[in-house]
């Protein structure tokens, strides 16, 4: 597939992306991921690796996750939005001893840490 990214023309195929993905380790995913062979990659990391393989030097700040998303979904890769599950529970754990769930914050915090 021929594409243009920030004025730079190049071709890309799903096979090329799969080969590149095999050579790199996925970085931690924040909100969005592209699935390649069952592995989750941050869109910008995968795009950066593709551009490097093509000999195109472009800083990650020059393109967006949305640019990467459009390219990879057009090539047939699935996009996954990672929910930030557990953040609410982590926030509540941070408030242990400060708020009360059963009426007495001190007793609640002692119960929580037992």
PDB file of N, CA and C in Angstrom:
ATOM      1  N   UNK A   1       0.845  -1.169   0.000  1.00  0.00           N
ATOM      2  CA  UNK A   1       0.000   0.000   0.000  1.00  0.00           C
ATOM      3  C   UNK A   1       0.895   1.237   0.000  1.00  0.00           C
ATOM      4  N   UNK A   2       0.564   2.185  -0.851  1.00  0.00           N
ATOM      5  CA  UNK A   2       1.286   3.450  -0.874  1.00  0.00           C
ATOM      6  C   UNK A   2       0.620   4.419   0.089  1.00  0.00           C
ATOM      7  N   UNK A   3       1.433   5.157   0.807  1.00  0.00           N
ATOM      8  CA  UNK A   3       0.890   6.109   1.777  1.00  0.00           C
ATOM      9  C   UNK A   3       1.810   7.314   1.882  1.00  0.00           C
ATOM     10  N   UNK A   4       1.272   8.383   2.462  1.00  0.00           N
ATOM     11  CA  UNK A   4       2.034   9.608   2.693  1.00  0.00           C
ATOM     12  C   UNK A   4       1.872   9.977   4.155  1.00  0.00           C
ATOM     13  N   UNK A   5       2.997  10.217   4.816  1.00  0.00           N
ATOM     14  CA  UNK A   5       2.982  10.616   6.217  1.00  0.00           C
ATOM     15  C   UNK A   5       3.787  11.890   6.353  1.00  0.00           C
ATOM     16  N   UNK A   6       3.110  12.979   6.663  1.00  0.00           N
ATOM     17  CA  UNK A   6       3.764  14.276   6.849  1.00  0.00           C
ATOM     18  C   UNK A   6       4.657  14.631   5.661  1.00  0.00           C
ATOM     19  N   UNK A   7       4.111  14.376   4.453  1.00  0.00           N
ATOM     20  CA  UNK A   7       4.818  14.735   3.229  1.00  0.00           C
ATOM     21  C   UNK A   7       5.820  13.701   2.742  1.00  0.00           C
ATOM     22  N   UNK A   8       6.015  12.622   3.475  1.00  0.00           N
ATOM     23  CA  UNK A   8       6.960  11.571   3.084  1.00  0.00           C
ATOM     24  C   UNK A   8       6.183  10.399   2.504  1.00  0.00           C
ATOM     25  N   UNK A   9       6.477  10.050   1.263  1.00  0.00           N
ATOM     26  CA  UNK A   9       5.800   8.941   0.597  1.00  0.00           C
ATOM     27  C   UNK A   9       6.578   7.647   0.822  1.00  0.00           C
ATOM     28  N   UNK A  10       5.844   6.571   1.088  1.00  0.00           N
ATOM     29  CA  UNK A  10       6.456   5.258   1.204  1.00  0.00           C
ATOM     30  C   UNK A  10       5.396   4.191   1.015  1.00  0.00           C
ATOM     31  N   UNK A  11       5.861   2.963   0.826  1.00  0.00           N
ATOM     32  CA  UNK A  11       4.936   1.844   0.708  1.00  0.00           C
ATOM     33  C   UNK A  11       5.079   0.974   1.956  1.00  0.00           C
ATOM     34  N   UNK A  12       4.002   0.320   2.291  1.00  0.00           N
ATOM     35  CA  UNK A  12       4.002  -0.563   3.461  1.00  0.00           C
ATOM     36  C   UNK A  12       3.047  -1.718   3.196  1.00  0.00           C
ATOM     37  N   UNK A  13       3.380  -2.851   3.774  1.00  0.00           N
ATOM     38  CA  UNK A  13       2.501  -4.017   3.661  1.00  0.00           C
ATOM     39  C   UNK A  13       2.370  -4.673   5.028  1.00  0.00           C
ATOM     40  N   UNK A  14       1.331  -5.448   5.180  1.00  0.00           N
ATOM     41  CA  UNK A  14       1.106  -6.158   6.440  1.00  0.00           C
ATOM     42  C   UNK A  14       2.262  -7.114   6.716  1.00  0.00           C
ATOM     43  N   UNK A  15       2.769  -7.749   5.681  1.00  0.00           N
ATOM     44  CA  UNK A  15       3.880  -8.686   5.847  1.00  0.00           C
ATOM     45  C   UNK A  15       5.121  -7.970   6.390  1.00  0.00           C
ATOM     46  N   UNK A  16       5.410  -6.799   5.870  1.00  0.00           N
ATOM     47  CA  UNK A  16       6.555  -6.017   6.351  1.00  0.00           C
ATOM     48  C   UNK A  16       6.398  -5.672   7.831  1.00  0.00           C
ATOM     49  N   UNK A  17       5.192  -5.245   8.196  1.00  0.00           N
ATOM     50  CA  UNK A  17       4.929  -4.867   9.582  1.00  0.00           C
ATOM     51  C   UNK A  17       5.092  -6.075  10.498  1.00  0.00           C
ATOM     52  N   UNK A  18       4.608  -7.227  10.083  1.00  0.00           N
ATOM     53  CA  UNK A  18       4.759  -8.447  10.883  1.00  0.00           C
ATOM     54  C   UNK A  18       6.230  -8.807  11.077  1.00  0.00           C
ATOM     55  N   UNK A  19       7.036  -8.679  10.017  1.00  0.00           N
ATOM     56  CA  UNK A  19       8.466  -8.978  10.112  1.00  0.00           C
ATOM     57  C   UNK A  19       9.166  -7.999  11.059  1.00  0.00           C
ATOM     58  N   UNK A  20       8.814  -6.741  10.974  1.00  0.00           N
ATOM     59  CA  UNK A  20       9.406  -5.725  11.844  1.00  0.00           C
ATOM     60  C   UNK A  20       9.003  -5.980  13.296  1.00  0.00           C
ATOM     61  N   UNK A  21       7.739  -6.331  13.516  1.00  0.00           N
ATOM     62  CA  UNK A  21       7.239  -6.566  14.871  1.00  0.00           C
ATOM     63  C   UNK A  21       7.942  -7.752  15.532  1.00  0.00           C
ATOM     64  N   UNK A  22       8.347  -8.730  14.734  1.00  0.00           N
ATOM     65  CA  UNK A  22       9.065  -9.882  15.289  1.00  0.00           C
ATOM     66  C   UNK A  22      10.438  -9.493  15.836  1.00  0.00           C
ATOM     67  N   UNK A  23      10.993  -8.419  15.310  1.00  0.00           N
ATOM     68  CA  UNK A  23      12.355  -8.000  15.673  1.00  0.00           C
ATOM     69  C   UNK A  23      12.413  -7.060  16.865  1.00  0.00           C
ATOM     70  N   UNK A  24      11.274  -6.547  17.289  1.00  0.00           N
ATOM     71  CA  UNK A  24      11.280  -5.576  18.389  1.00  0.00           C
ATOM     72  C   UNK A  24      10.439  -6.068  19.560  1.00  0.00           C
ATOM     73  N   UNK A  25      10.756  -5.552  20.725  1.00  0.00           N
ATOM     74  CA  UNK A  25       9.979  -5.866  21.927  1.00  0.00           C
ATOM     75  C   UNK A  25       8.978  -4.746  22.155  1.00  0.00           C
ATOM     76  N   UNK A  26       7.725  -5.095  22.441  1.00  0.00           N
ATOM     77  CA  UNK A  26       6.724  -4.049  22.667  1.00  0.00           C
ATOM     78  C   UNK A  26       7.058  -3.217  23.904  1.00  0.00           C
ATOM     79  N   UNK A  27       6.909  -1.923  23.761  1.00  0.00           N
ATOM     80  CA  UNK A  27       7.046  -1.023  24.903  1.00  0.00           C
ATOM     81  C   UNK A  27       5.726  -1.053  25.676  1.00  0.00           C
ATOM     82  N   UNK A  28       5.711  -0.539  26.906  1.00  0.00           N
ATOM     83  CA  UNK A  28       4.448  -0.510  27.657  1.00  0.00           C
ATOM     84  C   UNK A  28       3.372   0.274  26.896  1.00  0.00           C
ATOM     85  N   UNK A  29       2.175  -0.270  26.918  1.00  0.00           N
ATOM     86  CA  UNK A  29       1.045   0.343  26.218  1.00  0.00           C
ATOM     87  C   UNK A  29       0.293   1.235  27.187  1.00  0.00           C
ATOM     88  N   UNK A  30      -0.032   2.439  26.752  1.00  0.00           N
ATOM     89  CA  UNK A  30      -0.794   3.352  27.606  1.00  0.00           C
ATOM     90  C   UNK A  30      -2.285   3.227  27.344  1.00  0.00           C
ATOM     91  N   UNK A  31      -2.724   3.702  26.216  1.00  0.00           N
ATOM     92  CA  UNK A  31      -4.169   3.669  25.929  1.00  0.00           C
ATOM     93  C   UNK A  31      -4.528   2.879  24.692  1.00  0.00           C
ATOM     94  N   UNK A  32      -3.674   2.943  23.683  1.00  0.00           N
ATOM     95  CA  UNK A  32      -3.994   2.305  22.412  1.00  0.00           C
ATOM     96  C   UNK A  32      -2.898   1.326  22.046  1.00  0.00           C
ATOM     97  N   UNK A  33      -3.310   0.251  21.379  1.00  0.00           N
ATOM     98  CA  UNK A  33      -2.336  -0.744  20.932  1.00  0.00           C
ATOM     99  C   UNK A  33      -2.754  -1.288  19.573  1.00  0.00           C
ATOM    100  N   UNK A  34      -1.756  -1.701  18.821  1.00  0.00           N
ATOM    101  CA  UNK A  34      -1.973  -2.386  17.558  1.00  0.00           C
ATOM    102  C   UNK A  34      -1.582  -3.834  17.784  1.00  0.00           C
ATOM    103  N   UNK A  35      -2.466  -4.752  17.431  1.00  0.00           N
ATOM    104  CA  UNK A  35      -2.189  -6.182  17.609  1.00  0.00           C
ATOM    105  C   UNK A  35      -1.477  -6.744  16.386  1.00  0.00           C
ATOM    106  N   UNK A  36      -0.292  -7.301  16.630  1.00  0.00           N
ATOM    107  CA  UNK A  36       0.474  -7.949  15.570  1.00  0.00           C
ATOM    108  C   UNK A  36       0.907  -9.308  16.107  1.00  0.00           C
ATOM    109  N   UNK A  37       0.422 -10.355  15.482  1.00  0.00           N
ATOM    110  CA  UNK A  37       0.732 -11.731  15.910  1.00  0.00           C
ATOM    111  C   UNK A  37       0.453 -11.941  17.393  1.00  0.00           C
ATOM    112  N   UNK A  38      -0.647 -11.394  17.884  1.00  0.00           N
ATOM    113  CA  UNK A  38      -1.041 -11.577  19.277  1.00  0.00           C
ATOM    114  C   UNK A  38      -0.301 -10.715  20.279  1.00  0.00           C
ATOM    115  N   UNK A  39       0.586  -9.859  19.811  1.00  0.00           N
ATOM    116  CA  UNK A  39       1.336  -8.964  20.705  1.00  0.00           C
ATOM    117  C   UNK A  39       0.817  -7.536  20.537  1.00  0.00           C
ATOM    118  N   UNK A  40       0.801  -6.802  21.643  1.00  0.00           N
ATOM    119  CA  UNK A  40       0.296  -5.425  21.643  1.00  0.00           C
ATOM    120  C   UNK A  40       1.450  -4.436  21.557  1.00  0.00           C
ATOM    121  N   UNK A  41       1.404  -3.577  20.560  1.00  0.00           N
ATOM    122  CA  UNK A  41       2.423  -2.553  20.366  1.00  0.00           C
ATOM    123  C   UNK A  41       1.806  -1.164  20.443  1.00  0.00           C
ATOM    124  N   UNK A  42       2.499  -0.225  21.075  1.00  0.00           N
ATOM    125  CA  UNK A  42       2.042   1.160  20.978  1.00  0.00           C
ATOM    126  C   UNK A  42       2.121   1.575  19.504  1.00  0.00           C
ATOM    127  N   UNK A  43       1.097   2.230  18.990  1.00  0.00           N
ATOM    128  CA  UNK A  43       1.078   2.577  17.567  1.00  0.00           C
ATOM    129  C   UNK A  43       2.309   3.352  17.112  1.00  0.00           C
ATOM    130  N   UNK A  44       2.746   4.318  17.909  1.00  0.00           N
ATOM    131  CA  UNK A  44       3.888   5.134  17.498  1.00  0.00           C
ATOM    132  C   UNK A  44       5.190   4.339  17.498  1.00  0.00           C
ATOM    133  N   UNK A  45       5.339   3.389  18.395  1.00  0.00           N
ATOM    134  CA  UNK A  45       6.549   2.558  18.398  1.00  0.00           C
ATOM    135  C   UNK A  45       6.615   1.733  17.114  1.00  0.00           C
ATOM    136  N   UNK A  46       5.496   1.145  16.745  1.00  0.00           N
ATOM    137  CA  UNK A  46       5.446   0.309  15.554  1.00  0.00           C
ATOM    138  C   UNK A  46       5.693   1.147  14.299  1.00  0.00           C
ATOM    139  N   UNK A  47       5.107   2.332  14.251  1.00  0.00           N
ATOM    140  CA  UNK A  47       5.313   3.216  13.107  1.00  0.00           C
ATOM    141  C   UNK A  47       6.766   3.679  13.036  1.00  0.00           C
ATOM    142  N   UNK A  48       7.347   3.989  14.173  1.00  0.00           N
ATOM    143  CA  UNK A  48       8.748   4.401  14.204  1.00  0.00           C
ATOM    144  C   UNK A  48       9.646   3.289  13.643  1.00  0.00           C
ATOM    145  N   UNK A  49       9.387   2.048  14.046  1.00  0.00           N
ATOM    146  CA  UNK A  49      10.176   0.912  13.555  1.00  0.00           C
ATOM    147  C   UNK A  49       9.989   0.721  12.049  1.00  0.00           C
ATOM    148  N   UNK A  50       8.769   0.907  11.574  1.00  0.00           N
ATOM    149  CA  UNK A  50       8.493   0.786  10.141  1.00  0.00           C
ATOM    150  C   UNK A  50       9.241   1.869   9.363  1.00  0.00           C
ATOM    151  N   UNK A  51       9.174   3.095   9.854  1.00  0.00           N
ATOM    152  CA  UNK A  51       9.862   4.187   9.174  1.00  0.00           C
ATOM    153  C   UNK A  51      11.371   3.960   9.144  1.00  0.00           C
ATOM    154  N   UNK A  52      11.931   3.490  10.260  1.00  0.00           N
ATOM    155  CA  UNK A  52      13.370   3.205  10.306  1.00  0.00           C
ATOM    156  C   UNK A  52      13.742   2.133   9.290  1.00  0.00           C
ATOM    157  N   UNK A  53      12.914   1.102   9.169  1.00  0.00           N
ATOM    158  CA  UNK A  53      13.172   0.041   8.203  1.00  0.00           C
ATOM    159  C   UNK A  53      13.131   0.568   6.770  1.00  0.00           C
ATOM    160  N   UNK A  54      12.355   1.613   6.553  1.00  0.00           N
ATOM    161  CA  UNK A  54      12.236   2.221   5.229  1.00  0.00           C
ATOM    162  C   UNK A  54      13.321   3.269   4.983  1.00  0.00           C
ATOM    163  N   UNK A  55      14.140   3.541   6.002  1.00  0.00           N
ATOM    164  CA  UNK A  55      15.188   4.550   5.858  1.00  0.00           C
ATOM    165  C   UNK A  55      14.677   5.973   5.998  1.00  0.00           C
ATOM    166  N   UNK A  56      13.508   6.108   6.613  1.00  0.00           N
ATOM    167  CA  UNK A  56      12.913   7.436   6.807  1.00  0.00           C
ATOM    168  C   UNK A  56      13.161   7.869   8.242  1.00  0.00           C
ATOM    169  N   UNK A  57      13.897   8.960   8.390  1.00  0.00           N
ATOM    170  CA  UNK A  57      14.155   9.489   9.733  1.00  0.00           C
ATOM    171  C   UNK A  57      13.096  10.535  10.064  1.00  0.00           C
ATOM    172  N   UNK A  58      12.318  10.233  11.087  1.00  0.00           N
ATOM    173  CA  UNK A  58      11.268  11.149  11.507  1.00  0.00           C
ATOM    174  C   UNK A  58      11.085  10.980  13.004  1.00  0.00           C
ATOM    175  N   UNK A  59      11.148  12.049  13.737  1.00  0.00           N
ATOM    176  CA  UNK A  59      10.980  12.011  15.182  1.00  0.00           C
ATOM    177  C   UNK A  59       9.544  11.639  15.532  1.00  0.00           C
ATOM    178  N   UNK A  60       9.359  10.943  16.661  1.00  0.00           N
ATOM    179  CA  UNK A  60       8.005  10.567  17.092  1.00  0.00           C
ATOM    180  C   UNK A  60       7.094  11.766  17.302  1.00  0.00           C
ATOM    181  N   UNK A  61       7.663  12.899  17.574  1.00  0.00           N
ATOM    182  CA  UNK A  61       6.841  14.098  17.767  1.00  0.00           C
ATOM    183  C   UNK A  61       6.248  14.611  16.456  1.00  0.00           C
ATOM    184  N   UNK A  62       6.776  14.125  15.332  1.00  0.00           N
ATOM    185  CA  UNK A  62       6.321  14.607  14.027  1.00  0.00           C
ATOM    186  C   UNK A  62       5.021  13.956  13.573  1.00  0.00           C
ATOM    187  N   UNK A  63       4.615  12.880  14.208  1.00  0.00           N
ATOM    188  CA  UNK A  63       3.369  12.210  13.833  1.00  0.00           C
ATOM    189  C   UNK A  63       2.606  11.820  15.095  1.00  0.00           C
ATOM    190  N   UNK A  64       1.347  11.492  14.901  1.00  0.00           N
ATOM    191  CA  UNK A  64       0.480  11.187  16.039  1.00  0.00           C
ATOM    192  C   UNK A  64       0.142   9.699  16.092  1.00  0.00           C
ATOM    193  N   UNK A  65      -0.397   9.296  17.220  1.00  0.00           N
ATOM    194  CA  UNK A  65      -0.889   7.920  17.342  1.00  0.00           C
ATOM    195  C   UNK A  65      -2.007   7.675  16.337  1.00  0.00           C
ATOM    196  N   UNK A  66      -2.767   8.714  16.067  1.00  0.00           N
ATOM    197  CA  UNK A  66      -3.865   8.599  15.106  1.00  0.00           C
ATOM    198  C   UNK A  66      -3.327   8.309  13.702  1.00  0.00           C
ATOM    199  N   UNK A  67      -2.207   8.956  13.333  1.00  0.00           N
ATOM    200  CA  UNK A  67      -1.577   8.664  12.036  1.00  0.00           C
ATOM    201  C   UNK A  67      -1.225   7.183  11.958  1.00  0.00           C
ATOM    202  N   UNK A  68      -0.603   6.677  13.027  1.00  0.00           N
ATOM    203  CA  UNK A  68      -0.197   5.275  13.076  1.00  0.00           C
ATOM    204  C   UNK A  68      -1.420   4.362  13.043  1.00  0.00           C
ATOM    205  N   UNK A  69      -2.438   4.726  13.801  1.00  0.00           N
ATOM    206  CA  UNK A  69      -3.682   3.947  13.846  1.00  0.00           C
ATOM    207  C   UNK A  69      -4.275   3.793  12.446  1.00  0.00           C
ATOM    208  N   UNK A  70      -4.390   4.901  11.713  1.00  0.00           N
ATOM    209  CA  UNK A  70      -4.968   4.844  10.371  1.00  0.00           C
ATOM    210  C   UNK A  70      -4.171   3.933   9.456  1.00  0.00           C
ATOM    211  N   UNK A  71      -2.846   4.053   9.509  1.00  0.00           N
ATOM    212  CA  UNK A  71      -2.009   3.235   8.641  1.00  0.00           C
ATOM    213  C   UNK A  71      -2.181   1.749   8.955  1.00  0.00           C
ATOM    214  N   UNK A  72      -2.055   1.392  10.221  1.00  0.00           N
ATOM    215  CA  UNK A  72      -2.084  -0.023  10.579  1.00  0.00           C
ATOM    216  C   UNK A  72      -3.475  -0.650  10.432  1.00  0.00           C
ATOM    217  N   UNK A  73      -4.517   0.099  10.683  1.00  0.00           N
ATOM    218  CA  UNK A  73      -5.851  -0.473  10.479  1.00  0.00           C
ATOM    219  C   UNK A  73      -6.130  -0.647   8.986  1.00  0.00           C
ATOM    220  N   UNK A  74      -5.615   0.250   8.152  1.00  0.00           N
ATOM    221  CA  UNK A  74      -5.776   0.077   6.705  1.00  0.00           C
ATOM    222  C   UNK A  74      -5.009  -1.145   6.210  1.00  0.00           C
ATOM    223  N   UNK A  75      -3.943  -1.499   6.911  1.00  0.00           N
ATOM    224  CA  UNK A  75      -3.186  -2.707   6.549  1.00  0.00           C
ATOM    225  C   UNK A  75      -3.824  -3.972   7.113  1.00  0.00           C
ATOM    226  N   UNK A  76      -4.898  -3.815   7.891  1.00  0.00           N
ATOM    227  CA  UNK A  76      -5.641  -4.966   8.393  1.00  0.00           C
ATOM    228  C   UNK A  76      -5.350  -5.375   9.819  1.00  0.00           C
ATOM    229  N   UNK A  77      -4.591  -4.568  10.554  1.00  0.00           N
ATOM    230  CA  UNK A  77      -4.284  -4.903  11.941  1.00  0.00           C
ATOM    231  C   UNK A  77      -5.364  -4.369  12.867  1.00  0.00           C
ATOM    232  N   UNK A  78      -5.608  -5.109  13.912  1.00  0.00           N
ATOM    233  CA  UNK A  78      -6.629  -4.709  14.881  1.00  0.00           C
ATOM    234  C   UNK A  78      -6.064  -3.662  15.834  1.00  0.00           C
ATOM    235  N   UNK A  79      -6.945  -2.782  16.232  1.00  0.00           N
ATOM    236  CA  UNK A  79      -6.626  -1.746  17.216  1.00  0.00           C
ATOM    237  C   UNK A  79      -7.334  -2.114  18.508  1.00  0.00           C
ATOM    238  N   UNK A  80      -6.621  -1.981  19.605  1.00  0.00           N
ATOM    239  CA  UNK A  80      -7.208  -2.283  20.908  1.00  0.00           C
ATOM    240  C   UNK A  80      -7.047  -1.064  21.793  1.00  0.00           C
ATOM    241  N   UNK A  81      -8.126  -0.674  22.398  1.00  0.00           N
ATOM    242  CA  UNK A  81      -8.043   0.410  23.375  1.00  0.00           C
ATOM    243  C   UNK A  81      -7.940  -0.239  24.741  1.00  0.00           C
ATOM    244  N   UNK A  82      -6.857   0.027  25.421  1.00  0.00           N
ATOM    245  CA  UNK A  82      -6.662  -0.583  26.727  1.00  0.00           C
ATOM    246  C   UNK A  82      -7.334   0.280  27.766  1.00  0.00           C
ATOM    247  N   UNK A  83      -8.229  -0.329  28.529  1.00  0.00           N
ATOM    248  CA  UNK A  83      -8.869   0.389  29.617  1.00  0.00           C
ATOM    249  C   UNK A  83      -7.909   0.499  30.778  1.00  0.00           C
ATOM    250  N   UNK A  84      -8.062   1.521  31.520  1.00  0.00           N
ATOM    251  CA  UNK A  84      -7.215   1.696  32.690  1.00  0.00           C
ATOM    252  C   UNK A  84      -7.909   1.071  33.884  1.00  0.00           C
ATOM    253  N   UNK A  85      -8.160  -0.220  33.761  1.00  0.00           N
ATOM    254  CA  UNK A  85      -8.855  -0.951  34.811  1.00  0.00           C
ATOM    255  C   UNK A  85      -7.978  -1.004  36.045  1.00  0.00           C
ATOM    256  N   UNK A  86      -8.627  -0.907  37.163  1.00  0.00           N
ATOM    257  CA  UNK A  86      -7.889  -1.003  38.408  1.00  0.00           C
ATOM    258  C   UNK A  86      -7.452   0.334  38.959  1.00  0.00           C
ATOM    259  N   UNK A  87      -7.492   1.378  38.131  1.00  0.00           N
ATOM    260  CA  UNK A  87      -7.066   2.680  38.640  1.00  0.00           C
ATOM    261  C   UNK A  87      -7.990   3.169  39.736  1.00  0.00           C
ATOM    262  N   UNK A  88      -9.272   2.904  39.606  1.00  0.00           N
ATOM    263  CA  UNK A  88     -10.209   3.329  40.642  1.00  0.00           C
ATOM    264  C   UNK A  88      -9.938   2.623  41.955  1.00  0.00           C
ATOM    265  N   UNK A  89      -9.661   1.329  41.869  1.00  0.00           N
ATOM    266  CA  UNK A  89      -9.354   0.560  43.072  1.00  0.00           C
ATOM    267  C   UNK A  89      -8.045   1.032  43.684  1.00  0.00           C
ATOM    268  N   UNK A  90      -7.048   1.312  42.847  1.00  0.00           N
ATOM    269  CA  UNK A  90      -5.770   1.817  43.353  1.00  0.00           C
ATOM    270  C   UNK A  90      -5.963   3.148  44.057  1.00  0.00           C
ATOM    271  N   UNK A  91      -6.805   3.991  43.508  1.00  0.00           N
ATOM    272  CA  UNK A  91      -7.065   5.284  44.139  1.00  0.00           C
ATOM    273  C   UNK A  91      -7.736   5.090  45.496  1.00  0.00           C
ATOM    274  N   UNK A  92      -8.689   4.150  45.566  1.00  0.00           N
ATOM    275  CA  UNK A  92      -9.344   3.885  46.843  1.00  0.00           C
ATOM    276  C   UNK A  92      -8.356   3.336  47.869  1.00  0.00           C
ATOM    277  N   UNK A  93      -7.457   2.468  47.423  1.00  0.00           N
ATOM    278  CA  UNK A  93      -6.452   1.919  48.337  1.00  0.00           C
ATOM    279  C   UNK A  93      -5.582   3.039  48.903  1.00  0.00           C
ATOM    280  N   UNK A  94      -5.329   4.045  48.093  1.00  0.00           N
ATOM    281  CA  UNK A  94      -4.536   5.179  48.555  1.00  0.00           C
ATOM    282  C   UNK A  94      -5.244   6.006  49.609  1.00  0.00           C
ATOM    283  N   UNK A  95      -6.545   5.876  49.673  1.00  0.00           N
ATOM    284  CA  UNK A  95      -7.323   6.644  50.645  1.00  0.00           C
ATOM    285  C   UNK A  95      -7.627   5.850  51.916  1.00  0.00           C
ATOM    286  N   UNK A  96      -7.076   4.640  52.007  1.00  0.00           N
ATOM    287  CA  UNK A  96      -7.311   3.812  53.188  1.00  0.00           C
ATOM    288  C   UNK A  96      -6.867   4.563  54.437  1.00  0.00           C
ATOM    289  N   UNK A  97      -7.734   4.603  55.417  1.00  0.00           N
ATOM    290  CA  UNK A  97      -7.433   5.317  56.657  1.00  0.00           C
ATOM    291  C   UNK A  97      -7.867   6.768  56.617  1.00  0.00           C
ATOM    292  N   UNK A  98      -8.170   7.252  55.415  1.00  0.00           N
ATOM    293  CA  UNK A  98      -8.610   8.636  55.279  1.00  0.00           C
ATOM    294  C   UNK A  98     -10.127   8.688  55.181  1.00  0.00           C
ATOM    295  N   UNK A  99     -10.680   7.761  54.406  1.00  0.00           N
ATOM    296  CA  UNK A  99     -12.138   7.688  54.310  1.00  0.00           C
ATOM    297  C   UNK A  99     -12.601   6.406  54.987  1.00  0.00           C
ATOM    298  N   UNK A 100     -13.834   6.353  55.323  1.00  0.00           N
ATOM    299  CA  UNK A 100     -14.367   5.199  56.025  1.00  0.00           C
ATOM    300  C   UNK A 100     -15.409   4.511  55.173  1.00  0.00           C
ATOM    301  N   UNK A 101     -15.292   3.207  55.072  1.00  0.00           N
ATOM    302  CA  UNK A 101     -16.286   2.429  54.346  1.00  0.00           C
ATOM    303  C   UNK A 101     -17.355   1.892  55.282  1.00  0.00           C
ATOM    304  N   UNK A 102     -16.966   1.678  56.536  1.00  0.00           N
ATOM    305  CA  UNK A 102     -17.905   1.081  57.479  1.00  0.00           C
ATOM    306  C   UNK A 102     -18.249   1.984  58.646  1.00  0.00           C
ATOM    307  N   UNK A 103     -17.754   3.205  58.629  1.00  0.00           N
ATOM    308  CA  UNK A 103     -18.103   4.123  59.701  1.00  0.00           C
ATOM    309  C   UNK A 103     -16.923   4.539  60.554  1.00  0.00           C
ATOM    310  N   UNK A 104     -15.823   3.793  60.548  1.00  0.00           N
ATOM    311  CA  UNK A 104     -14.668   4.131  61.355  1.00  0.00           C
ATOM    312  C   UNK A 104     -13.413   3.927  60.498  1.00  0.00           C
ATOM    313  N   UNK A 105     -12.784   5.014  60.086  1.00  0.00           N
ATOM    314  CA  UNK A 105     -11.642   4.946  59.180  1.00  0.00           C
ATOM    315  C   UNK A 105     -10.493   4.148  59.773  1.00  0.00           C
ATOM    316  N   UNK A 106     -10.249   4.284  61.065  1.00  0.00           N
ATOM    317  CA  UNK A 106      -9.154   3.568  61.692  1.00  0.00           C
ATOM    318  C   UNK A 106      -9.406   2.062  61.680  1.00  0.00           C
ATOM    319  N   UNK A 107     -10.616   1.650  62.035  1.00  0.00           N
ATOM    320  CA  UNK A 107     -10.950   0.230  62.015  1.00  0.00           C
ATOM    321  C   UNK A 107     -10.923  -0.311  60.589  1.00  0.00           C
ATOM    322  N   UNK A 108     -11.410   0.478  59.636  1.00  0.00           N
ATOM    323  CA  UNK A 108     -11.392   0.047  58.244  1.00  0.00           C
ATOM    324  C   UNK A 108      -9.968  -0.182  57.757  1.00  0.00           C
ATOM    325  N   UNK A 109      -9.036   0.731  58.099  1.00  0.00           N
ATOM    326  CA  UNK A 109      -7.665   0.573  57.645  1.00  0.00           C
ATOM    327  C   UNK A 109      -6.994  -0.624  58.310  1.00  0.00           C
ATOM    328  N   UNK A 110      -7.318  -0.886  59.572  1.00  0.00           N
ATOM    329  CA  UNK A 110      -6.754  -2.070  60.246  1.00  0.00           C
ATOM    330  C   UNK A 110      -7.281  -3.338  59.588  1.00  0.00           C
ATOM    331  N   UNK A 111      -8.576  -3.349  59.256  1.00  0.00           N
ATOM    332  CA  UNK A 111      -9.157  -4.489  58.592  1.00  0.00           C
ATOM    333  C   UNK A 111      -8.537  -4.706  57.209  1.00  0.00           C
ATOM    334  N   UNK A 112      -8.306  -3.617  56.511  1.00  0.00           N
ATOM    335  CA  UNK A 112      -7.762  -3.690  55.152  1.00  0.00           C
ATOM    336  C   UNK A 112      -6.365  -4.311  55.156  1.00  0.00           C
ATOM    337  N   UNK A 113      -5.553  -3.980  56.148  1.00  0.00           N
ATOM    338  CA  UNK A 113      -4.169  -4.452  56.177  1.00  0.00           C
ATOM    339  C   UNK A 113      -3.997  -5.800  56.859  1.00  0.00           C
ATOM    340  N   UNK A 114      -5.056  -6.393  57.384  1.00  0.00           N
ATOM    341  CA  UNK A 114      -4.951  -7.713  58.030  1.00  0.00           C
ATOM    342  C   UNK A 114      -4.691  -8.794  57.015  1.00  0.00           C
TER     343      UNK A 114
END
